[in-house]
Amino acid sequence: MKIAQFNTFPYGGAATAAKRLHEQLLQRNVESRFYYRLNDKQIQLDDSFRCVDFCKPRSGVLGAIEKRLGRRREKTIHRLYDSHIAGRQSGLETFAMADLPESTVLDWPAIGADLVHLHWMSFFADYESFFKSIPDSVPLVWTLHDMNAFTGGCHYSGGCGRFTNGCGDCPQVENRHASDVSDYSFRTKRRALNGKSIHVITPSQWLGDLAKQSEVWPQGTTFDTLHYGLDLDLFQSVGKQHARQALGISGDKTLIAFGAEDINCQRKGVQHLLPALKKLEDKSAVECLMFGSGALDVSDDLPHIHQLGYVESLERQSLIYSAADIVVVPSLEDNQPQVGLEALACGTPVVGFNAGGIPEYVRPGETGLLAEVGDSADLSKQISWLVAHVDERLEMGARGRKMMEQEFEKNAQSQKQVEFYEQVLSGGFVGMAS
């Protein structure tokens, strides 16, 4: 069984999940290769990872014709970008077109996989040229980490349901109208995927339910939920005092942690978390710890905040979760944020908004507490309750660790993934349970 995994970056949330799976497959003696396109941070990788090489344009008469058509197409793409995307206000979620200015034709004979496993593909693939270069006989497994694969460009729709019937008039672009960039991209995706054998995997049932509603998928597409798998030997409690000393945090105050790839991303909810922290019943009893790209402008009416910046090391992340008494996941819309999963693996309860896939693992009174989406006062109330109830939060943390062992352990999840591949390749696919 030869598997080709594709993800735009070798770093970030989706890449972390994809790399964990890839490494587990190698340990199971499955021939897996991980292809990425962009490595701006120059992450060091072993020989099973490759920066993808796309085919060069053809020469001769056919090449000249393709080049002329390509220039015309490139002008259309730049016009759509300039009209609808370039002027978007800052702080909005990423919007990714299905069309790229350049062709992304794979050298398929060199890849020669039995099965292609796609992950986060924005800015990686020009849909029409990329999918055309994969033979229709090769099955595609696609793990969705957000909504982009089945929308006209948004990664999270913010409650918009236009993706169910083709997009257009998109609320996330400039100069919106019925034939805007979202309509163009949606039609490109539907055309590029037509005739493909696609098996969609979503880590959360929430995302799966949304994916099924989109018209982008070809007839016969299947949908299944398969949770992320975590290394529970790496993500486990290392002792609170030891972790705090290693991070240079002294004192015995209740420590509240928050982390995200970009802590200023509006969807991740820091604009609701900061007011919630201001409203805590006893701010003098707590300190906060935040990690991720970006920095916060903090005010005097907030508890003291330790800002650690971007944390690449998984060992250091485990220290952060172990040092914390509570981890907050205030996302307004999210698939299955791994910060919460990693925290629970380290025995730390989670407070989050009742949004997206978060309530599938933050189970009120069992592994943490939930607040009404976007309600800073309610978020503050739930955090304050856990600050005041030490025994209960310790019990929730212990139950969270047990849940992770039962439902998210990496070996069990990678075994399910291998069984998924085998069913797909056998032609007798009947679906999987999460």
Protein backbone atom coordinates (compact mmCIF):
# COMPACT_ATOMS: atom_id res chain seq x y z
CA MET A 1 0.00 0.00 0.00
CA LYS A 2 1.59 3.25 -1.17
CA ILE A 3 0.05 6.45 0.21
CA ALA A 4 0.80 10.01 -0.97
CA GLN A 5 -0.10 12.63 1.64
CA PHE A 6 -0.49 16.27 0.58
CA ASN A 7 -0.56 19.37 2.80
CA THR A 8 0.36 22.95 1.94
CA PHE A 9 2.75 23.46 4.86
CA PRO A 10 4.85 21.12 7.01
CA TYR A 11 3.85 23.16 10.08
CA GLY A 12 0.65 24.50 11.61
CA GLY A 13 -2.44 22.85 13.07
CA ALA A 14 -3.53 20.78 10.06
CA ALA A 15 0.06 19.80 9.28
CA THR A 16 0.59 18.64 12.86
CA ALA A 17 -2.34 16.23 12.58
CA ALA A 18 -1.25 15.10 9.09
CA LYS A 19 2.36 14.56 10.17
CA ARG A 20 1.28 12.54 13.19
CA LEU A 21 -0.70 10.25 10.92
CA HIS A 22 2.15 10.02 8.39
CA GLU A 23 4.66 9.05 11.09
CA GLN A 24 2.29 6.45 12.52
CA LEU A 25 1.82 4.92 9.08
CA LEU A 26 5.58 4.61 8.66
CA GLN A 27 5.80 2.85 12.03
CA ARG A 28 3.17 0.42 10.74
CA ASN A 29 5.33 -0.25 7.67
CA VAL A 30 2.87 1.52 5.39
CA GLU A 31 4.71 3.24 2.52
CA SER A 32 3.72 6.85 3.08
CA ARG A 33 5.26 9.99 1.62
CA PHE A 34 4.36 13.50 2.74
CA TYR A 35 4.34 16.19 0.03
CA TYR A 36 4.22 19.88 0.95
CA ARG A 37 4.57 23.08 -1.06
CA LEU A 38 5.68 25.85 1.30
CA ASN A 39 8.22 25.73 4.12
CA ASP A 40 8.78 29.38 5.00
CA LYS A 41 10.00 28.45 8.50
CA GLN A 42 12.48 25.95 7.06
CA ILE A 43 11.35 23.14 9.35
CA GLN A 44 13.84 20.28 9.25
CA LEU A 45 12.27 17.08 7.90
CA ASP A 46 13.38 13.54 7.15
CA ASP A 47 13.51 11.85 3.76
CA SER A 48 9.85 10.78 3.86
CA PHE A 49 8.89 14.47 3.36
CA ARG A 50 9.29 16.18 0.01
CA CYS A 51 8.67 19.65 -1.33
CA VAL A 52 6.51 18.87 -4.35
CA ASP A 53 7.89 19.42 -7.84
CA PHE A 54 5.28 20.33 -10.42
CA CYS A 55 5.69 19.53 -14.12
CA LYS A 56 7.18 22.25 -16.28
CA PRO A 57 5.14 23.70 -19.16
CA ARG A 58 5.33 21.81 -22.44
CA SER A 59 7.43 23.10 -25.31
CA GLY A 60 6.56 23.36 -29.00
CA VAL A 61 3.23 24.36 -30.56
CA LEU A 62 1.08 22.83 -27.80
CA GLY A 63 3.18 24.55 -25.19
CA ALA A 64 2.75 27.91 -26.92
CA ILE A 65 -1.02 27.49 -27.05
CA GLU A 66 -1.14 26.48 -23.38
CA LYS A 67 1.02 29.46 -22.48
CA ARG A 68 -1.33 31.85 -24.32
CA LEU A 69 -4.39 30.35 -22.62
CA GLY A 70 -2.56 30.48 -19.32
CA ARG A 71 -1.89 34.21 -19.64
CA ARG A 72 -5.57 34.84 -20.35
CA ARG A 73 -6.58 32.74 -17.36
CA GLU A 74 -4.00 34.44 -15.13
CA LYS A 75 -5.51 37.85 -15.97
CA THR A 76 -8.95 36.57 -14.92
CA ILE A 77 -7.61 35.26 -11.62
CA HIS A 78 -5.77 38.50 -10.83
CA ARG A 79 -8.89 40.51 -11.72
CA LEU A 80 -11.01 38.42 -9.34
CA TYR A 81 -8.40 38.72 -6.61
CA ASP A 82 -8.07 42.49 -6.99
CA SER A 83 -11.85 42.99 -7.12
CA HIS A 84 -12.91 40.78 -4.24
CA ILE A 85 -10.01 39.74 -1.99
CA ALA A 86 -7.17 42.29 -1.99
CA GLY A 87 -9.20 44.95 -0.16
CA ARG A 88 -10.63 42.74 2.58
CA GLN A 89 -10.33 44.17 6.08
CA SER A 90 -7.66 42.81 8.40
CA GLY A 91 -8.54 40.22 11.02
CA LEU A 92 -10.82 38.20 8.76
CA GLU A 93 -10.29 34.48 8.28
CA THR A 94 -8.25 33.35 5.27
CA PHE A 95 -10.07 33.24 1.93
CA ALA A 96 -8.48 30.92 -0.64
CA MET A 97 -9.39 30.70 -4.31
CA ALA A 98 -9.61 27.37 -6.14
CA ASP A 99 -7.61 28.84 -9.04
CA LEU A 100 -3.95 29.77 -8.81
CA PRO A 101 -2.13 31.87 -11.43
CA GLU A 102 0.25 29.02 -12.17
CA SER A 103 -0.44 25.42 -13.15
CA THR A 104 0.16 22.71 -10.53
CA VAL A 105 0.42 19.52 -12.57
CA LEU A 106 1.84 16.61 -10.58
CA ASP A 107 4.50 14.34 -12.04
CA TRP A 108 2.21 11.40 -11.41
CA PRO A 109 4.52 8.61 -12.71
CA ALA A 110 7.10 9.76 -10.13
CA ILE A 111 4.51 9.70 -7.33
CA GLY A 112 2.74 6.53 -8.42
CA ALA A 113 0.68 6.09 -5.24
CA ASP A 114 -2.15 3.60 -4.77
CA LEU A 115 -4.12 6.22 -2.85
CA VAL A 116 -3.89 9.98 -2.37
CA HIS A 117 -4.62 11.45 1.05
CA LEU A 118 -5.31 15.19 0.93
CA HIS A 119 -5.22 17.45 3.98
CA TRP A 120 -5.11 21.29 4.03
CA MET A 121 -4.75 22.22 0.36
CA SER A 122 -5.28 26.00 0.18
CA PHE A 123 -2.54 27.77 -1.84
CA PHE A 124 -1.15 24.35 -2.74
CA ALA A 125 -3.31 23.28 -5.65
CA ASP A 126 -4.72 24.98 -8.67
CA TYR A 127 -7.76 22.72 -8.66
CA GLU A 128 -8.24 22.04 -12.36
CA SER A 129 -4.61 21.27 -13.23
CA PHE A 130 -3.87 19.45 -9.95
CA PHE A 131 -6.82 17.07 -9.95
CA LYS A 132 -6.59 16.47 -13.70
CA SER A 133 -3.06 15.15 -13.17
CA ILE A 134 -4.29 12.43 -10.78
CA PRO A 135 -5.84 9.45 -12.61
CA ASP A 136 -9.55 9.03 -11.95
CA SER A 137 -8.86 5.42 -10.96
CA VAL A 138 -6.82 6.56 -7.93
CA PRO A 139 -9.07 7.03 -4.86
CA LEU A 140 -8.81 10.30 -2.94
CA VAL A 141 -9.16 10.37 0.83
CA TRP A 142 -9.58 13.94 2.05
CA THR A 143 -9.28 14.86 5.73
CA LEU A 144 -10.96 18.24 6.18
CA HIS A 145 -9.49 20.57 8.80
CA ASP A 146 -11.87 23.43 7.98
CA MET A 147 -14.59 24.23 5.43
CA ASN A 148 -12.53 25.46 2.47
CA ALA A 149 -12.66 22.25 0.44
CA PHE A 150 -16.44 22.55 0.01
CA THR A 151 -16.98 26.33 -0.12
CA GLY A 152 -16.25 29.01 -2.69
CA GLY A 153 -13.21 30.18 -0.72
CA CYS A 154 -13.97 30.79 2.95
CA HIS A 155 -12.40 28.53 5.55
CA TYR A 156 -15.21 29.11 8.02
CA SER A 157 -18.54 30.41 6.78
CA GLY A 158 -19.59 32.34 9.90
CA GLY A 159 -23.06 30.80 9.61
CA CYS A 160 -23.47 31.53 5.90
CA GLY A 161 -25.10 28.62 4.09
CA ARG A 162 -24.47 29.65 0.49
CA PHE A 163 -22.05 26.76 -0.01
CA THR A 164 -25.04 24.42 -0.03
CA ASN A 165 -26.06 25.62 -3.49
CA GLY A 166 -23.01 27.12 -5.15
CA CYS A 167 -21.87 30.27 -3.26
CA GLY A 168 -21.86 33.72 -4.87
CA ASP A 169 -22.82 36.98 -3.16
CA CYS A 170 -20.24 36.10 -0.50
CA PRO A 171 -20.33 38.13 2.74
CA GLN A 172 -16.57 37.63 3.22
CA VAL A 173 -15.37 39.42 0.06
CA GLU A 174 -15.35 42.94 -1.27
CA ASN A 175 -17.81 44.04 -3.99
CA ARG A 176 -19.93 40.94 -3.51
CA HIS A 177 -22.39 39.88 -6.20
CA ALA A 178 -23.89 36.69 -7.63
CA SER A 179 -20.91 35.99 -9.91
CA ASP A 180 -18.13 37.05 -7.56
CA VAL A 181 -14.95 35.12 -6.78
CA SER A 182 -16.78 32.68 -4.49
CA ASP A 183 -19.11 31.62 -7.30
CA TYR A 184 -16.16 31.32 -9.71
CA SER A 185 -14.13 29.19 -7.26
CA PHE A 186 -17.08 26.97 -6.36
CA ARG A 187 -17.74 26.19 -10.02
CA THR A 188 -14.02 25.46 -10.52
CA LYS A 189 -14.02 23.00 -7.63
CA ARG A 190 -17.14 21.21 -8.79
CA ARG A 191 -15.73 20.88 -12.31
CA ALA A 192 -12.29 19.69 -11.11
CA LEU A 193 -13.68 17.07 -8.72
CA ASN A 194 -16.21 15.66 -11.16
CA GLY A 195 -15.53 11.98 -11.85
CA LYS A 196 -13.19 11.54 -8.88
CA SER A 197 -13.59 8.86 -6.22
CA ILE A 198 -13.58 10.88 -2.99
CA HIS A 199 -13.83 9.68 0.59
CA VAL A 200 -14.16 12.60 3.02
CA ILE A 201 -12.96 12.28 6.61
CA THR A 202 -13.80 14.90 9.23
CA PRO A 203 -12.33 14.95 12.74
CA SER A 204 -15.62 16.32 14.10
CA GLN A 205 -19.19 15.33 13.35
CA TRP A 206 -20.02 19.04 13.18
CA LEU A 207 -17.75 19.55 10.17
CA GLY A 208 -18.98 16.34 8.56
CA ASP A 209 -22.59 17.46 8.79
CA LEU A 210 -21.69 20.70 7.02
CA ALA A 211 -19.60 18.98 4.34
CA LYS A 212 -22.49 16.71 3.38
CA GLN A 213 -24.63 19.77 2.56
CA SER A 214 -22.30 21.11 -0.13
CA GLU A 215 -22.97 20.58 -3.84
CA VAL A 216 -19.26 20.57 -4.65
CA TRP A 217 -18.79 16.82 -4.22
CA PRO A 218 -19.20 14.36 -7.10
CA GLN A 219 -21.78 11.60 -6.97
CA GLY A 220 -20.70 8.70 -4.78
CA THR A 221 -18.61 10.75 -2.33
CA THR A 222 -18.58 9.15 1.13
CA PHE A 223 -18.37 10.90 4.51
CA ASP A 224 -16.97 9.57 7.78
CA THR A 225 -15.77 10.93 11.10
CA LEU A 226 -12.38 9.85 12.41
CA HIS A 227 -10.89 11.67 15.40
CA TYR A 228 -7.37 13.06 15.51
CA GLY A 229 -4.85 10.73 17.13
CA LEU A 230 -2.47 12.10 19.76
CA ASP A 231 0.75 10.76 21.24
CA LEU A 232 -0.42 10.32 24.83
CA ASP A 233 3.10 9.50 26.00
CA LEU A 234 4.19 12.96 24.86
CA PHE A 235 1.03 14.79 25.88
CA GLN A 236 0.63 13.85 29.52
CA SER A 237 0.97 15.63 32.84
CA VAL A 238 4.56 16.11 33.91
CA GLY A 239 3.68 17.59 37.31
CA LYS A 240 2.40 21.11 37.81
CA GLN A 241 5.27 22.50 39.87
CA HIS A 242 7.94 20.97 37.63
CA ALA A 243 6.22 22.40 34.54
CA ARG A 244 5.94 25.88 36.05
CA GLN A 245 9.58 25.89 37.11
CA ALA A 246 10.62 24.81 33.60
CA LEU A 247 8.60 27.71 32.15
CA GLY A 248 9.96 30.21 34.68
CA ILE A 249 6.57 30.77 36.35
CA SER A 250 6.64 31.15 40.12
CA GLY A 251 3.87 31.35 42.69
CA ASP A 252 0.81 29.24 43.35
CA LYS A 253 -1.92 31.26 41.62
CA THR A 254 -4.48 29.52 39.41
CA LEU A 255 -3.01 29.56 35.91
CA ILE A 256 -5.34 30.01 32.91
CA ALA A 257 -3.89 29.20 29.48
CA PHE A 258 -4.92 30.08 25.92
CA GLY A 259 -3.14 29.23 22.69
CA ALA A 260 -3.65 29.45 18.93
CA GLU A 261 -1.61 29.52 15.73
CA ASP A 262 -2.43 33.26 15.60
CA ILE A 263 -3.74 34.55 18.92
CA ASN A 264 -5.20 37.66 17.23
CA CYS A 265 -7.37 35.70 14.79
CA GLN A 266 -10.93 36.90 15.43
CA ARG A 267 -12.39 33.42 15.00
CA LYS A 268 -10.19 32.13 17.82
CA GLY A 269 -12.02 34.51 20.14
CA VAL A 270 -9.36 36.38 22.10
CA GLN A 271 -11.55 39.50 21.73
CA HIS A 272 -14.08 37.70 23.93
CA LEU A 273 -11.53 36.10 26.24
CA LEU A 274 -9.92 39.36 27.39
CA PRO A 275 -13.24 40.90 28.55
CA ALA A 276 -14.03 37.59 30.26
CA LEU A 277 -10.75 37.76 32.17
CA LYS A 278 -11.56 41.31 33.27
CA LYS A 279 -14.86 40.07 34.74
CA LEU A 280 -13.37 37.20 36.78
CA GLU A 281 -14.72 37.09 40.31
CA ASP A 282 -11.25 37.06 41.89
CA LYS A 283 -8.64 38.34 39.46
CA SER A 284 -6.01 38.54 42.17
CA ALA A 285 -6.06 34.74 42.47
CA VAL A 286 -5.16 34.04 38.84
CA GLU A 287 -2.49 34.55 36.24
CA CYS A 288 -2.70 33.82 32.51
CA LEU A 289 -0.42 32.16 30.02
CA MET A 290 -0.81 32.75 26.28
CA PHE A 291 1.11 31.19 23.40
CA GLY A 292 0.98 31.54 19.63
CA SER A 293 2.00 33.98 16.91
CA GLY A 294 1.29 37.63 17.62
CA ALA A 295 1.18 39.71 20.78
CA LEU A 296 -1.59 41.19 22.89
CA ASP A 297 -2.01 44.74 24.09
CA VAL A 298 -2.76 44.16 27.76
CA SER A 299 -4.33 46.61 30.20
CA ASP A 300 -3.98 47.10 33.94
CA ASP A 301 -7.43 45.65 34.65
CA LEU A 302 -6.39 42.22 33.39
CA PRO A 303 -4.68 39.49 35.42
CA HIS A 304 -0.96 39.21 34.77
CA ILE A 305 -0.37 37.52 31.39
CA HIS A 306 2.75 35.53 30.51
CA GLN A 307 3.11 35.79 26.71
CA LEU A 308 5.31 32.96 25.44
CA GLY A 309 5.04 33.64 21.69
CA TYR A 310 4.94 30.89 19.10
CA VAL A 311 5.80 27.49 20.59
CA GLU A 312 6.96 24.92 18.02
CA SER A 313 8.25 22.29 20.45
CA LEU A 314 5.62 19.71 21.39
CA GLU A 315 7.51 18.99 24.59
CA ARG A 316 7.24 22.66 25.58
CA GLN A 317 3.55 22.66 24.68
CA SER A 318 3.09 19.72 27.02
CA LEU A 319 4.79 21.73 29.77
CA ILE A 320 2.35 24.60 29.18
CA TYR A 321 -0.72 22.37 29.44
CA SER A 322 0.69 20.69 32.54
CA ALA A 323 1.48 24.02 34.20
CA ALA A 324 -2.05 25.33 33.59
CA ASP A 325 -5.03 24.68 35.85
CA ILE A 326 -7.54 25.60 33.12
CA VAL A 327 -7.21 25.91 29.34
CA VAL A 328 -9.67 28.16 27.52
CA VAL A 329 -10.73 27.52 23.90
CA PRO A 330 -12.94 30.54 23.03
CA SER A 331 -13.25 29.80 19.30
CA LEU A 332 -16.43 31.15 17.72
CA GLU A 333 -16.31 28.51 14.98
CA ASP A 334 -13.87 25.61 14.84
CA ASN A 335 -13.48 22.03 13.69
CA GLN A 336 -11.76 20.23 16.57
CA PRO A 337 -9.13 22.61 17.97
CA GLN A 338 -6.13 20.59 19.05
CA VAL A 339 -5.23 22.94 21.90
CA GLY A 340 -8.23 21.58 23.81
CA LEU A 341 -7.40 17.96 22.98
CA GLU A 342 -3.77 18.37 24.00
CA ALA A 343 -4.78 20.06 27.25
CA LEU A 344 -7.15 17.22 28.16
CA ALA A 345 -4.42 14.70 27.33
CA CYS A 346 -2.31 16.47 29.97
CA GLY A 347 -5.13 16.22 32.50
CA THR A 348 -6.17 19.89 32.33
CA PRO A 349 -9.90 20.72 32.00
CA VAL A 350 -11.10 22.97 29.20
CA VAL A 351 -13.56 25.87 29.11
CA GLY A 352 -14.83 26.73 25.66
CA PHE A 353 -17.67 28.19 23.67
CA ASN A 354 -20.42 25.81 22.60
CA ALA A 355 -19.28 26.11 18.99
CA GLY A 356 -18.28 23.80 16.14
CA GLY A 357 -16.73 20.53 17.24
CA ILE A 358 -15.70 21.79 20.69
CA PRO A 359 -18.68 20.27 22.58
CA GLU A 360 -17.79 16.88 21.11
CA TYR A 361 -14.88 16.70 23.56
CA VAL A 362 -15.61 19.45 26.11
CA ARG A 363 -18.41 17.64 27.89
CA PRO A 364 -19.98 19.89 30.54
CA GLY A 365 -19.30 18.68 34.06
CA GLU A 366 -17.20 15.81 32.73
CA THR A 367 -14.13 17.22 30.93
CA GLY A 368 -14.80 20.95 31.26
CA LEU A 369 -17.46 23.62 30.89
CA LEU A 370 -19.14 25.38 27.97
CA ALA A 371 -20.30 28.98 27.57
CA GLU A 372 -22.75 30.53 25.14
CA VAL A 373 -20.99 31.46 21.90
CA GLY A 374 -19.56 34.99 21.99
CA ASP A 375 -20.85 35.68 25.53
CA SER A 376 -17.87 37.04 27.49
CA ALA A 377 -19.87 37.26 30.70
CA ASP A 378 -20.86 33.59 30.50
CA LEU A 379 -17.30 32.62 29.60
CA SER A 380 -16.07 34.50 32.67
CA LYS A 381 -18.68 32.76 34.81
CA GLN A 382 -17.55 29.29 33.68
CA ILE A 383 -13.86 30.10 34.22
CA SER A 384 -14.61 31.59 37.65
CA TRP A 385 -16.49 28.44 38.66
CA LEU A 386 -13.51 26.24 37.86
CA VAL A 387 -11.12 28.64 39.60
CA ALA A 388 -13.21 28.34 42.76
CA HIS A 389 -13.82 24.58 42.62
CA VAL A 390 -10.42 22.93 42.79
CA ASP A 391 -11.56 19.36 43.46
CA GLU A 392 -14.06 19.42 40.61
CA ARG A 393 -11.56 20.73 38.07
CA LEU A 394 -9.05 18.05 39.09
CA GLU A 395 -11.75 15.41 38.56
CA MET A 396 -12.63 16.90 35.16
CA GLY A 397 -8.97 16.85 34.16
CA ALA A 398 -8.67 13.20 35.14
CA ARG A 399 -11.81 12.30 33.19
CA GLY A 400 -10.48 14.28 30.22
CA ARG A 401 -7.29 12.21 30.22
CA LYS A 402 -9.34 9.00 30.35
CA MET A 403 -11.50 10.17 27.43
CA MET A 404 -8.37 10.88 25.40
CA GLU A 405 -7.03 7.38 26.10
CA GLN A 406 -10.31 5.81 25.01
CA GLU A 407 -11.10 7.92 21.92
CA PHE A 408 -8.02 9.80 20.66
CA GLU A 409 -4.98 7.58 21.26
CA LYS A 410 -2.68 7.68 18.22
CA ASN A 411 -2.14 3.95 17.71
CA ALA A 412 -5.85 3.14 17.80
CA GLN A 413 -6.67 6.01 15.46
CA SER A 414 -3.91 5.16 12.98
CA GLN A 415 -5.12 1.56 12.94
CA LYS A 416 -8.58 2.83 12.03
CA GLN A 417 -7.01 4.92 9.27
CA VAL A 418 -5.19 1.88 7.84
CA GLU A 419 -8.44 -0.10 7.90
CA PHE A 420 -10.10 2.85 6.14
CA TYR A 421 -7.46 2.74 3.37
CA GLU A 422 -7.85 -1.01 3.01
CA GLN A 423 -11.61 -0.74 2.61
CA VAL A 424 -11.25 2.02 0.01
CA LEU A 425 -8.64 0.11 -1.99
CA SER A 426 -10.60 -3.15 -1.83
CA GLY A 427 -13.57 -1.48 -3.49
CA GLY A 428 -15.86 -2.67 -0.72
CA PHE A 429 -16.03 0.58 1.21
CA VAL A 430 -18.83 0.68 3.79
CA GLY A 431 -17.68 3.51 6.06
CA MET A 432 -16.09 3.68 9.46
CA ALA A 433 -17.10 4.54 13.01
CA SER A 434 -15.22 7.29 14.84
